[in-house]
Every structure is written in structure tokens, then in C-alpha cells.
């Protein structure tokens, strides 16, 4: 599935545990190729710094790590497409980046900003993180479960990680709990 490209919107990159899960699934064996733009990353950094109190040094470290580990994720040359996008004006840059790189999916918490009528001409769909993670699980349950268990070792155990994810991804959490029984 490495050809399956997915734009990760800033709103899903802000949540550290969710970002970690999404990016672990994008590491070898890669289930998808994560994509974002400088504008998405700037929005992520701004939100982390102004709303969550993350320091500029910490956000600079995060971006440096993303560049190091996901050097092929950065989308460029999409700006000329922004004016022709028909979704919510504040998120047109996200759809333009998706169109530019050929992404099939945008993972976002702002589904209302990506109506089907604006996406369908470009063969792009918007999914919540919950829906996306459920799909990833069904494609490769062993891989997703293994990566979650690896991540959970850094988050105080699987149950604690699942409790963190439950607010944003309840269906995914239910699938994992069902499998773990």
C-alpha cells in the first residue's frame, strides 16, 4: 500500500498520541504515505504553540523529526490550485495539496469543511481519524495491533493509550479492545 497517499490535516497532527499512531502506521511496513504541506505544518505549529503551550523549540524539533523520518511527505507546488478548490476557504490549501500529490484521502476532524461535492471532482475523500484507523486496521490488523502495542509501551500501557484515543477514535478503540480480549 505504499502508493496510497493520505493528507494529514493540521487538526490531526496536533494531538500527540493520535499523530504518533498515524505516523507509526506510516512507518515500515508502511500502510500508507503520509503527506502534508508547509502550510499544514505551520498551522500545526501555531496551534501547538498558541493553544497547547508547546514551545517553539519543541515544535521546531517536531518538524525536524518529521523532515528526517518522512522526507517524502512534503507537498509542494499546490498553491496555484487553491483558488479553484470549492471546499471551505480556510481549508482549500489542504485539498489543493491533496490534488497536487494525488492523495486519495484527507484525514481531518473538520469533515464539514470538505463536502463530498468539493472532493468528488478530484477523486478525494475526507475521513475522520476514527474511520481512517478502522480502515487501516481492516487492511492489516496484525501490523496495526503491533504498532499500537509498541506505542503503548511509551504511554503507560495499551489501556491508557486506548483511553486517550477513545474520545477521537471510539470505533477504532472498540476494534482494538475486541481483538485484545
N, C-alpha and C. Protein backbone atom coordinates (compact mmCIF):
# COMPACT_ATOMS: atom_id res chain seq x y z
N UNK A 1 0.79 -1.22 0.00
CA UNK A 1 0.00 0.00 0.00
C UNK A 1 0.83 1.28 0.00
N UNK A 2 2.15 1.24 -0.23
CA UNK A 2 2.92 2.47 -0.13
C UNK A 2 2.50 3.55 -1.12
N UNK A 3 1.79 3.20 -2.18
CA UNK A 3 1.32 4.20 -3.12
C UNK A 3 0.08 4.94 -2.65
N UNK A 4 -0.53 4.48 -1.58
CA UNK A 4 -1.74 5.10 -1.04
C UNK A 4 -1.33 6.34 -0.27
N UNK A 5 -1.62 7.50 -0.84
CA UNK A 5 -1.21 8.77 -0.25
C UNK A 5 -2.36 9.40 0.53
N UNK A 6 -2.02 9.93 1.69
CA UNK A 6 -3.03 10.47 2.60
C UNK A 6 -2.54 11.81 3.14
N UNK A 7 -3.34 12.84 2.97
CA UNK A 7 -3.04 14.14 3.58
C UNK A 7 -3.51 14.09 5.03
N UNK A 8 -2.60 14.42 5.93
CA UNK A 8 -2.95 14.56 7.34
C UNK A 8 -3.13 16.04 7.63
N UNK A 9 -4.34 16.42 7.97
CA UNK A 9 -4.66 17.82 8.25
C UNK A 9 -4.03 18.22 9.59
N UNK A 10 -3.82 19.51 9.77
CA UNK A 10 -3.20 20.03 10.99
C UNK A 10 -3.95 19.58 12.24
N UNK A 11 -5.26 19.54 12.17
CA UNK A 11 -6.06 19.20 13.36
C UNK A 11 -5.78 17.79 13.87
N UNK A 12 -5.33 16.88 13.01
CA UNK A 12 -4.99 15.54 13.48
C UNK A 12 -3.52 15.44 13.88
N UNK A 13 -2.70 16.35 13.36
CA UNK A 13 -1.28 16.35 13.71
C UNK A 13 -1.02 17.00 15.06
N UNK A 14 -1.97 17.79 15.54
CA UNK A 14 -1.81 18.49 16.82
C UNK A 14 -1.86 17.53 18.01
N UNK A 15 -2.73 16.55 17.95
CA UNK A 15 -2.89 15.58 19.04
C UNK A 15 -1.70 14.62 19.02
N UNK A 16 -0.85 14.69 20.03
CA UNK A 16 0.41 13.93 20.04
C UNK A 16 0.19 12.42 19.94
N UNK A 17 -0.72 11.88 20.72
CA UNK A 17 -0.93 10.42 20.69
C UNK A 17 -1.50 9.98 19.34
N UNK A 18 -2.45 10.75 18.81
CA UNK A 18 -3.03 10.42 17.50
C UNK A 18 -1.97 10.54 16.42
N UNK A 19 -1.19 11.62 16.45
CA UNK A 19 -0.11 11.81 15.47
C UNK A 19 0.85 10.62 15.52
N UNK A 20 1.21 10.20 16.72
CA UNK A 20 2.13 9.08 16.88
C UNK A 20 1.55 7.81 16.27
N UNK A 21 0.30 7.53 16.54
CA UNK A 21 -0.34 6.33 15.98
C UNK A 21 -0.38 6.40 14.46
N UNK A 22 -0.84 7.54 13.93
CA UNK A 22 -0.93 7.69 12.47
C UNK A 22 0.44 7.53 11.81
N UNK A 23 1.46 8.11 12.41
CA UNK A 23 2.79 8.05 11.80
C UNK A 23 3.44 6.68 11.97
N UNK A 24 3.17 6.00 13.07
CA UNK A 24 3.70 4.64 13.23
C UNK A 24 3.15 3.72 12.14
N UNK A 25 1.88 3.90 11.81
CA UNK A 25 1.27 3.08 10.76
C UNK A 25 1.87 3.40 9.39
N UNK A 26 2.46 4.59 9.28
CA UNK A 26 3.08 5.00 8.02
C UNK A 26 4.56 4.63 7.94
N UNK A 27 5.09 4.04 9.02
CA UNK A 27 6.47 3.58 9.01
C UNK A 27 6.51 2.14 8.52
N UNK A 28 7.66 1.67 8.02
CA UNK A 28 7.74 0.29 7.53
C UNK A 28 7.31 -0.73 8.59
N UNK A 29 6.52 -1.73 8.21
CA UNK A 29 5.91 -1.88 6.89
C UNK A 29 4.80 -0.86 6.67
N UNK A 30 5.01 0.02 5.75
CA UNK A 30 4.17 1.19 5.51
C UNK A 30 2.81 0.79 4.94
N UNK A 31 1.75 1.27 5.60
CA UNK A 31 0.40 1.04 5.09
C UNK A 31 -0.07 2.18 4.20
N UNK A 32 0.54 3.34 4.35
CA UNK A 32 0.19 4.49 3.52
C UNK A 32 1.34 5.49 3.57
N UNK A 33 1.31 6.44 2.64
CA UNK A 33 2.31 7.51 2.62
C UNK A 33 1.67 8.78 3.16
N UNK A 34 2.12 9.25 4.33
CA UNK A 34 1.54 10.48 4.87
C UNK A 34 2.04 11.68 4.08
N UNK A 35 1.16 12.65 3.89
CA UNK A 35 1.53 13.86 3.15
C UNK A 35 1.01 15.07 3.90
N UNK A 36 1.73 16.18 3.81
CA UNK A 36 1.32 17.46 4.35
C UNK A 36 2.11 18.53 3.63
N UNK A 37 1.74 19.77 3.85
CA UNK A 37 2.42 20.89 3.21
C UNK A 37 3.04 21.78 4.27
N UNK A 38 3.84 22.75 3.82
CA UNK A 38 4.40 23.74 4.74
C UNK A 38 3.27 24.48 5.45
N UNK A 39 2.18 24.77 4.72
CA UNK A 39 1.05 25.49 5.30
C UNK A 39 0.35 24.65 6.38
N UNK A 40 0.17 23.37 6.13
CA UNK A 40 -0.41 22.47 7.14
C UNK A 40 0.51 22.41 8.35
N UNK A 41 1.80 22.32 8.11
CA UNK A 41 2.74 22.25 9.23
C UNK A 41 2.78 23.57 10.01
N UNK A 42 2.69 24.69 9.32
CA UNK A 42 2.67 25.99 10.01
C UNK A 42 1.44 26.09 10.89
N UNK A 43 0.31 25.61 10.39
CA UNK A 43 -0.93 25.61 11.17
C UNK A 43 -0.79 24.70 12.40
N UNK A 44 -0.16 23.56 12.21
CA UNK A 44 0.08 22.63 13.32
C UNK A 44 0.94 23.30 14.38
N UNK A 45 2.04 23.89 13.97
CA UNK A 45 2.95 24.55 14.90
C UNK A 45 2.24 25.69 15.64
N UNK A 46 1.50 26.50 14.90
CA UNK A 46 0.78 27.64 15.50
C UNK A 46 -0.19 27.15 16.58
N UNK A 47 -0.94 26.12 16.28
CA UNK A 47 -1.91 25.58 17.25
C UNK A 47 -1.20 25.00 18.47
N UNK A 48 -0.15 24.25 18.24
CA UNK A 48 0.60 23.68 19.36
C UNK A 48 1.15 24.77 20.27
N UNK A 49 1.66 25.83 19.68
CA UNK A 49 2.28 26.89 20.46
C UNK A 49 1.26 27.81 21.14
N UNK A 50 0.22 28.21 20.41
CA UNK A 50 -0.71 29.20 20.97
C UNK A 50 -1.82 28.58 21.82
N UNK A 51 -2.23 27.38 21.49
CA UNK A 51 -3.34 26.77 22.24
C UNK A 51 -2.91 25.72 23.26
N UNK A 52 -1.77 25.09 23.00
CA UNK A 52 -1.36 23.99 23.88
C UNK A 52 -0.08 24.28 24.65
N UNK A 53 0.49 25.45 24.46
CA UNK A 53 1.65 25.86 25.23
C UNK A 53 2.94 25.14 24.90
N UNK A 54 3.01 24.54 23.74
CA UNK A 54 4.24 23.88 23.32
C UNK A 54 5.22 24.98 22.91
N UNK A 55 6.48 24.82 23.27
CA UNK A 55 7.48 25.85 22.96
C UNK A 55 7.89 25.81 21.49
N UNK A 56 8.45 26.91 21.02
CA UNK A 56 8.95 26.97 19.65
C UNK A 56 10.07 25.95 19.44
N UNK A 57 10.87 25.73 20.46
CA UNK A 57 11.93 24.73 20.36
C UNK A 57 11.34 23.32 20.18
N UNK A 58 10.26 23.05 20.90
CA UNK A 58 9.62 21.73 20.78
C UNK A 58 8.98 21.55 19.40
N UNK A 59 8.32 22.59 18.90
CA UNK A 59 7.71 22.46 17.57
C UNK A 59 8.79 22.38 16.49
N UNK A 60 9.89 23.11 16.66
CA UNK A 60 11.00 23.01 15.70
C UNK A 60 11.57 21.59 15.71
N UNK A 61 11.68 21.01 16.89
CA UNK A 61 12.16 19.62 16.99
C UNK A 61 11.20 18.66 16.28
N UNK A 62 9.90 18.85 16.51
CA UNK A 62 8.89 18.01 15.85
C UNK A 62 9.03 18.09 14.33
N UNK A 63 9.09 19.30 13.80
CA UNK A 63 9.21 19.47 12.35
C UNK A 63 10.51 18.86 11.84
N UNK A 64 11.58 19.03 12.58
CA UNK A 64 12.86 18.42 12.20
C UNK A 64 12.77 16.90 12.13
N UNK A 65 12.11 16.31 13.13
CA UNK A 65 11.93 14.86 13.14
C UNK A 65 11.05 14.40 11.97
N UNK A 66 10.01 15.17 11.66
CA UNK A 66 9.14 14.82 10.53
C UNK A 66 9.92 14.89 9.22
N UNK A 67 10.74 15.91 9.08
CA UNK A 67 11.57 16.02 7.86
C UNK A 67 12.55 14.86 7.75
N UNK A 68 13.10 14.47 8.87
CA UNK A 68 14.09 13.38 8.91
C UNK A 68 13.45 12.03 8.58
N UNK A 69 12.31 11.74 9.21
CA UNK A 69 11.70 10.41 9.07
C UNK A 69 10.68 10.30 7.95
N UNK A 70 10.16 11.44 7.50
CA UNK A 70 9.15 11.43 6.43
C UNK A 70 9.50 12.47 5.38
N UNK A 71 10.72 12.38 4.86
CA UNK A 71 11.18 13.38 3.91
C UNK A 71 10.35 13.42 2.63
N UNK A 72 9.68 12.32 2.31
CA UNK A 72 8.85 12.27 1.11
C UNK A 72 7.42 12.74 1.35
N UNK A 73 7.12 13.24 2.55
CA UNK A 73 5.75 13.63 2.89
C UNK A 73 5.39 15.05 2.48
N UNK A 74 6.36 15.88 2.20
CA UNK A 74 6.13 17.30 1.98
C UNK A 74 5.62 17.56 0.56
N UNK A 75 4.46 18.19 0.46
CA UNK A 75 3.85 18.51 -0.84
C UNK A 75 4.19 19.95 -1.18
N UNK A 76 4.64 20.16 -2.39
CA UNK A 76 4.97 21.50 -2.87
C UNK A 76 4.24 21.76 -4.18
N UNK A 77 4.17 23.03 -4.55
CA UNK A 77 3.63 23.41 -5.85
C UNK A 77 2.12 23.31 -5.98
N UNK A 78 1.40 23.40 -4.88
CA UNK A 78 -0.07 23.27 -4.90
C UNK A 78 -0.77 24.63 -4.87
N UNK A 79 -0.02 25.69 -4.61
CA UNK A 79 -0.62 27.00 -4.35
C UNK A 79 -1.51 27.51 -5.49
N UNK A 80 -1.14 27.23 -6.73
CA UNK A 80 -1.95 27.70 -7.86
C UNK A 80 -3.31 27.01 -7.93
N UNK A 81 -3.46 25.89 -7.24
CA UNK A 81 -4.73 25.16 -7.24
C UNK A 81 -5.71 25.69 -6.19
N UNK A 82 -5.22 26.40 -5.20
CA UNK A 82 -6.07 26.85 -4.10
C UNK A 82 -7.32 27.61 -4.58
N UNK A 83 -7.19 28.56 -5.51
CA UNK A 83 -8.38 29.33 -5.91
C UNK A 83 -9.49 28.51 -6.57
N UNK A 84 -9.17 27.35 -7.13
CA UNK A 84 -10.21 26.56 -7.80
C UNK A 84 -10.85 25.49 -6.91
N UNK A 85 -10.39 25.40 -5.68
CA UNK A 85 -10.98 24.44 -4.75
C UNK A 85 -12.32 24.99 -4.25
N UNK A 86 -13.30 24.10 -4.08
CA UNK A 86 -14.66 24.53 -3.72
C UNK A 86 -15.03 24.22 -2.28
N UNK A 87 -14.09 23.73 -1.49
CA UNK A 87 -14.40 23.44 -0.08
C UNK A 87 -14.26 24.72 0.75
N UNK A 88 -14.36 24.61 2.06
CA UNK A 88 -14.29 25.77 2.94
C UNK A 88 -13.01 26.56 2.66
N UNK A 89 -13.11 27.88 2.53
CA UNK A 89 -11.93 28.69 2.18
C UNK A 89 -10.70 28.46 3.06
N UNK A 90 -10.90 28.29 4.37
CA UNK A 90 -9.72 28.13 5.25
C UNK A 90 -9.01 26.80 5.05
N UNK A 91 -9.67 25.85 4.41
CA UNK A 91 -9.05 24.54 4.18
C UNK A 91 -8.83 24.22 2.70
N UNK A 92 -8.93 25.23 1.85
CA UNK A 92 -8.68 24.99 0.42
C UNK A 92 -7.24 24.57 0.17
N UNK A 93 -6.33 25.08 0.97
CA UNK A 93 -4.92 24.70 0.80
C UNK A 93 -4.72 23.20 1.05
N UNK A 94 -5.51 22.62 1.94
CA UNK A 94 -5.40 21.19 2.26
C UNK A 94 -5.85 20.36 1.05
N UNK A 95 -6.99 20.69 0.49
CA UNK A 95 -7.48 19.98 -0.69
C UNK A 95 -6.54 20.20 -1.87
N UNK A 96 -6.03 21.42 -2.04
CA UNK A 96 -5.10 21.69 -3.14
C UNK A 96 -3.85 20.83 -3.01
N UNK A 97 -3.34 20.68 -1.79
CA UNK A 97 -2.16 19.83 -1.58
C UNK A 97 -2.50 18.37 -1.92
N UNK A 98 -3.70 17.93 -1.53
CA UNK A 98 -4.12 16.56 -1.84
C UNK A 98 -4.18 16.34 -3.36
N UNK A 99 -4.77 17.28 -4.07
CA UNK A 99 -4.88 17.17 -5.52
C UNK A 99 -3.48 17.17 -6.15
N UNK A 100 -2.63 18.05 -5.69
CA UNK A 100 -1.29 18.18 -6.26
C UNK A 100 -0.49 16.88 -6.15
N UNK A 101 -0.58 16.20 -5.02
CA UNK A 101 0.23 14.99 -4.83
C UNK A 101 -0.50 13.71 -5.21
N UNK A 102 -1.78 13.83 -5.56
CA UNK A 102 -2.54 12.64 -5.93
C UNK A 102 -3.03 11.83 -4.74
N UNK A 103 -3.19 12.50 -3.59
CA UNK A 103 -3.69 11.79 -2.40
C UNK A 103 -5.13 11.35 -2.62
N UNK A 104 -5.45 10.19 -2.12
CA UNK A 104 -6.79 9.66 -2.23
C UNK A 104 -7.66 10.05 -1.04
N UNK A 105 -7.02 10.39 0.08
CA UNK A 105 -7.75 10.63 1.32
C UNK A 105 -7.16 11.83 2.06
N UNK A 106 -8.05 12.57 2.72
CA UNK A 106 -7.67 13.61 3.67
C UNK A 106 -8.18 13.14 5.03
N UNK A 107 -7.30 13.03 6.01
CA UNK A 107 -7.71 12.68 7.36
C UNK A 107 -7.82 13.97 8.14
N UNK A 108 -9.03 14.24 8.65
CA UNK A 108 -9.31 15.51 9.31
C UNK A 108 -10.42 15.34 10.34
N UNK A 109 -10.42 16.23 11.31
CA UNK A 109 -11.53 16.31 12.25
C UNK A 109 -12.58 17.30 11.75
N UNK A 110 -12.25 18.05 10.72
CA UNK A 110 -13.13 19.09 10.17
C UNK A 110 -13.84 18.59 8.91
N UNK A 111 -14.58 17.52 9.02
CA UNK A 111 -15.23 16.93 7.85
C UNK A 111 -16.19 17.90 7.16
N UNK A 112 -16.81 18.77 7.94
CA UNK A 112 -17.76 19.73 7.35
C UNK A 112 -17.08 20.68 6.37
N UNK A 113 -15.77 20.87 6.51
CA UNK A 113 -15.02 21.76 5.62
C UNK A 113 -14.65 21.09 4.31
N UNK A 114 -14.97 19.80 4.19
CA UNK A 114 -14.62 19.03 3.00
C UNK A 114 -15.84 18.28 2.46
N UNK A 115 -16.84 19.02 1.98
CA UNK A 115 -18.05 18.35 1.47
C UNK A 115 -17.74 17.49 0.24
N UNK A 116 -18.50 16.43 0.12
CA UNK A 116 -18.28 15.49 -0.99
C UNK A 116 -18.31 16.18 -2.35
N UNK A 117 -19.19 17.15 -2.51
CA UNK A 117 -19.29 17.86 -3.80
C UNK A 117 -17.99 18.57 -4.17
N UNK A 118 -17.24 19.01 -3.17
CA UNK A 118 -15.97 19.68 -3.43
C UNK A 118 -14.83 18.68 -3.66
N UNK A 119 -14.99 17.48 -3.12
CA UNK A 119 -13.93 16.47 -3.21
C UNK A 119 -14.07 15.55 -4.42
N UNK A 120 -15.29 15.20 -4.76
CA UNK A 120 -15.51 14.18 -5.79
C UNK A 120 -14.90 14.51 -7.15
N UNK A 121 -14.88 15.77 -7.60
CA UNK A 121 -14.22 16.03 -8.90
C UNK A 121 -12.74 15.65 -8.90
N UNK A 122 -12.14 15.55 -7.74
CA UNK A 122 -10.71 15.25 -7.62
C UNK A 122 -10.46 13.81 -7.15
N UNK A 123 -11.52 13.02 -7.00
CA UNK A 123 -11.40 11.64 -6.51
C UNK A 123 -10.68 11.56 -5.17
N UNK A 124 -11.07 12.46 -4.29
CA UNK A 124 -10.53 12.51 -2.93
C UNK A 124 -11.69 12.33 -1.96
N UNK A 125 -11.43 11.63 -0.86
CA UNK A 125 -12.42 11.51 0.20
C UNK A 125 -11.83 12.07 1.49
N UNK A 126 -12.70 12.57 2.34
CA UNK A 126 -12.29 13.02 3.67
C UNK A 126 -12.78 12.00 4.68
N UNK A 127 -11.90 11.65 5.60
CA UNK A 127 -12.26 10.69 6.64
C UNK A 127 -11.84 11.24 7.99
N UNK A 128 -12.62 10.89 8.99
CA UNK A 128 -12.22 11.21 10.36
C UNK A 128 -11.05 10.29 10.71
N UNK A 129 -10.26 10.65 11.71
CA UNK A 129 -9.20 9.74 12.15
C UNK A 129 -9.76 8.37 12.55
N UNK A 130 -10.94 8.36 13.14
CA UNK A 130 -11.57 7.10 13.55
C UNK A 130 -11.82 6.22 12.33
N UNK A 131 -12.47 6.77 11.33
CA UNK A 131 -12.78 6.00 10.12
C UNK A 131 -11.49 5.52 9.45
N UNK A 132 -10.51 6.41 9.35
CA UNK A 132 -9.25 6.06 8.71
C UNK A 132 -8.55 4.92 9.46
N UNK A 133 -8.47 5.02 10.77
CA UNK A 133 -7.80 3.98 11.56
C UNK A 133 -8.54 2.65 11.48
N UNK A 134 -9.86 2.69 11.46
CA UNK A 134 -10.65 1.46 11.30
C UNK A 134 -10.30 0.81 9.95
N UNK A 135 -10.24 1.62 8.88
CA UNK A 135 -9.87 1.08 7.57
C UNK A 135 -8.47 0.48 7.58
N UNK A 136 -7.53 1.18 8.20
CA UNK A 136 -6.16 0.68 8.27
C UNK A 136 -6.13 -0.65 9.03
N UNK A 137 -6.89 -0.72 10.10
CA UNK A 137 -6.95 -1.95 10.89
C UNK A 137 -7.48 -3.11 10.04
N UNK A 138 -8.55 -2.86 9.28
CA UNK A 138 -9.12 -3.93 8.47
C UNK A 138 -8.17 -4.36 7.35
N UNK A 139 -7.35 -3.45 6.86
CA UNK A 139 -6.38 -3.78 5.81
C UNK A 139 -5.23 -4.64 6.35
N UNK A 140 -4.79 -4.34 7.56
CA UNK A 140 -3.63 -5.04 8.12
C UNK A 140 -3.74 -5.09 9.64
N UNK A 141 -4.63 -5.90 10.18
CA UNK A 141 -4.86 -5.90 11.63
C UNK A 141 -3.61 -6.23 12.45
N UNK A 142 -2.81 -7.17 11.98
CA UNK A 142 -1.62 -7.54 12.75
C UNK A 142 -0.63 -6.39 12.82
N UNK A 143 -0.43 -5.70 11.70
CA UNK A 143 0.51 -4.57 11.66
C UNK A 143 0.03 -3.46 12.57
N UNK A 144 -1.24 -3.09 12.46
CA UNK A 144 -1.78 -2.00 13.28
C UNK A 144 -1.70 -2.37 14.76
N UNK A 145 -2.08 -3.59 15.10
CA UNK A 145 -2.04 -4.01 16.50
C UNK A 145 -0.60 -4.00 17.04
N UNK A 146 0.34 -4.47 16.26
CA UNK A 146 1.74 -4.48 16.68
C UNK A 146 2.24 -3.06 16.93
N UNK A 147 1.94 -2.16 16.02
CA UNK A 147 2.40 -0.78 16.16
C UNK A 147 1.73 -0.09 17.36
N UNK A 148 0.48 -0.41 17.61
CA UNK A 148 -0.20 0.14 18.79
C UNK A 148 0.43 -0.37 20.08
N UNK A 149 0.77 -1.64 20.10
CA UNK A 149 1.40 -2.22 21.30
C UNK A 149 2.78 -1.60 21.52
N UNK A 150 3.53 -1.37 20.44
CA UNK A 150 4.83 -0.70 20.56
C UNK A 150 4.64 0.72 21.12
N UNK A 151 3.66 1.42 20.58
CA UNK A 151 3.39 2.79 21.04
C UNK A 151 2.92 2.79 22.50
N UNK A 152 2.09 1.84 22.85
CA UNK A 152 1.52 1.82 24.20
C UNK A 152 2.58 1.63 25.27
N UNK A 153 3.69 1.03 24.93
CA UNK A 153 4.78 0.87 25.89
C UNK A 153 5.32 2.23 26.34
N UNK A 154 5.13 3.25 25.51
CA UNK A 154 5.59 4.61 25.83
C UNK A 154 4.48 5.46 26.44
N UNK A 155 3.28 4.92 26.52
CA UNK A 155 2.13 5.69 27.01
C UNK A 155 1.49 5.05 28.24
N UNK A 156 2.23 4.22 28.96
CA UNK A 156 1.69 3.63 30.18
C UNK A 156 0.80 2.43 29.97
N UNK A 157 0.97 1.74 28.86
CA UNK A 157 0.20 0.54 28.59
C UNK A 157 -0.92 0.75 27.57
N UNK A 158 -1.39 -0.35 27.03
CA UNK A 158 -2.40 -0.30 25.97
C UNK A 158 -3.69 0.34 26.45
N UNK A 159 -4.16 -0.01 27.62
CA UNK A 159 -5.44 0.53 28.08
C UNK A 159 -5.37 2.05 28.23
N UNK A 160 -4.27 2.56 28.73
CA UNK A 160 -4.12 4.02 28.86
C UNK A 160 -4.11 4.68 27.48
N UNK A 161 -3.38 4.11 26.52
CA UNK A 161 -3.36 4.66 25.16
C UNK A 161 -4.76 4.63 24.55
N UNK A 162 -5.46 3.53 24.72
CA UNK A 162 -6.81 3.43 24.17
C UNK A 162 -7.75 4.44 24.82
N UNK A 163 -7.57 4.70 26.11
CA UNK A 163 -8.42 5.70 26.76
C UNK A 163 -8.14 7.10 26.21
N UNK A 164 -6.89 7.36 25.84
CA UNK A 164 -6.54 8.64 25.21
C UNK A 164 -7.22 8.73 23.83
N UNK A 165 -7.17 7.65 23.07
CA UNK A 165 -7.75 7.63 21.71
C UNK A 165 -9.28 7.57 21.71
N UNK A 166 -9.88 7.13 22.79
CA UNK A 166 -11.32 6.87 22.79
C UNK A 166 -12.17 8.08 22.42
N UNK A 167 -11.75 9.26 22.81
CA UNK A 167 -12.54 10.47 22.52
C UNK A 167 -12.59 10.76 21.01
N UNK A 168 -11.47 10.54 20.32
CA UNK A 168 -11.39 10.86 18.89
C UNK A 168 -11.68 9.66 18.01
N UNK A 169 -11.35 8.47 18.48
CA UNK A 169 -11.47 7.28 17.64
C UNK A 169 -12.16 6.12 18.37
N UNK A 170 -13.41 6.31 18.79
CA UNK A 170 -14.08 5.28 19.59
C UNK A 170 -14.30 3.95 18.86
N UNK A 171 -14.61 3.98 17.58
CA UNK A 171 -14.82 2.72 16.85
C UNK A 171 -13.51 1.95 16.71
N UNK A 172 -12.43 2.68 16.47
CA UNK A 172 -11.11 2.05 16.38
C UNK A 172 -10.75 1.43 17.72
N UNK A 173 -10.95 2.16 18.79
CA UNK A 173 -10.65 1.66 20.13
C UNK A 173 -11.47 0.40 20.42
N UNK A 174 -12.75 0.40 20.05
CA UNK A 174 -13.60 -0.77 20.26
C UNK A 174 -13.05 -1.99 19.50
N UNK A 175 -12.58 -1.77 18.27
CA UNK A 175 -11.99 -2.86 17.49
C UNK A 175 -10.75 -3.43 18.17
N UNK A 176 -9.89 -2.56 18.64
CA UNK A 176 -8.66 -3.00 19.30
C UNK A 176 -8.99 -3.75 20.59
N UNK A 177 -9.92 -3.21 21.37
CA UNK A 177 -10.29 -3.89 22.63
C UNK A 177 -10.89 -5.27 22.33
N UNK A 178 -11.72 -5.33 21.32
CA UNK A 178 -12.34 -6.61 20.94
C UNK A 178 -11.27 -7.62 20.55
N UNK A 179 -10.26 -7.18 19.82
CA UNK A 179 -9.19 -8.06 19.37
C UNK A 179 -8.30 -8.49 20.53
N UNK A 180 -8.13 -7.61 21.50
CA UNK A 180 -7.23 -7.88 22.63
C UNK A 180 -7.82 -8.84 23.64
N UNK A 181 -9.12 -9.11 23.55
CA UNK A 181 -9.78 -9.98 24.53
C UNK A 181 -9.44 -11.42 24.28
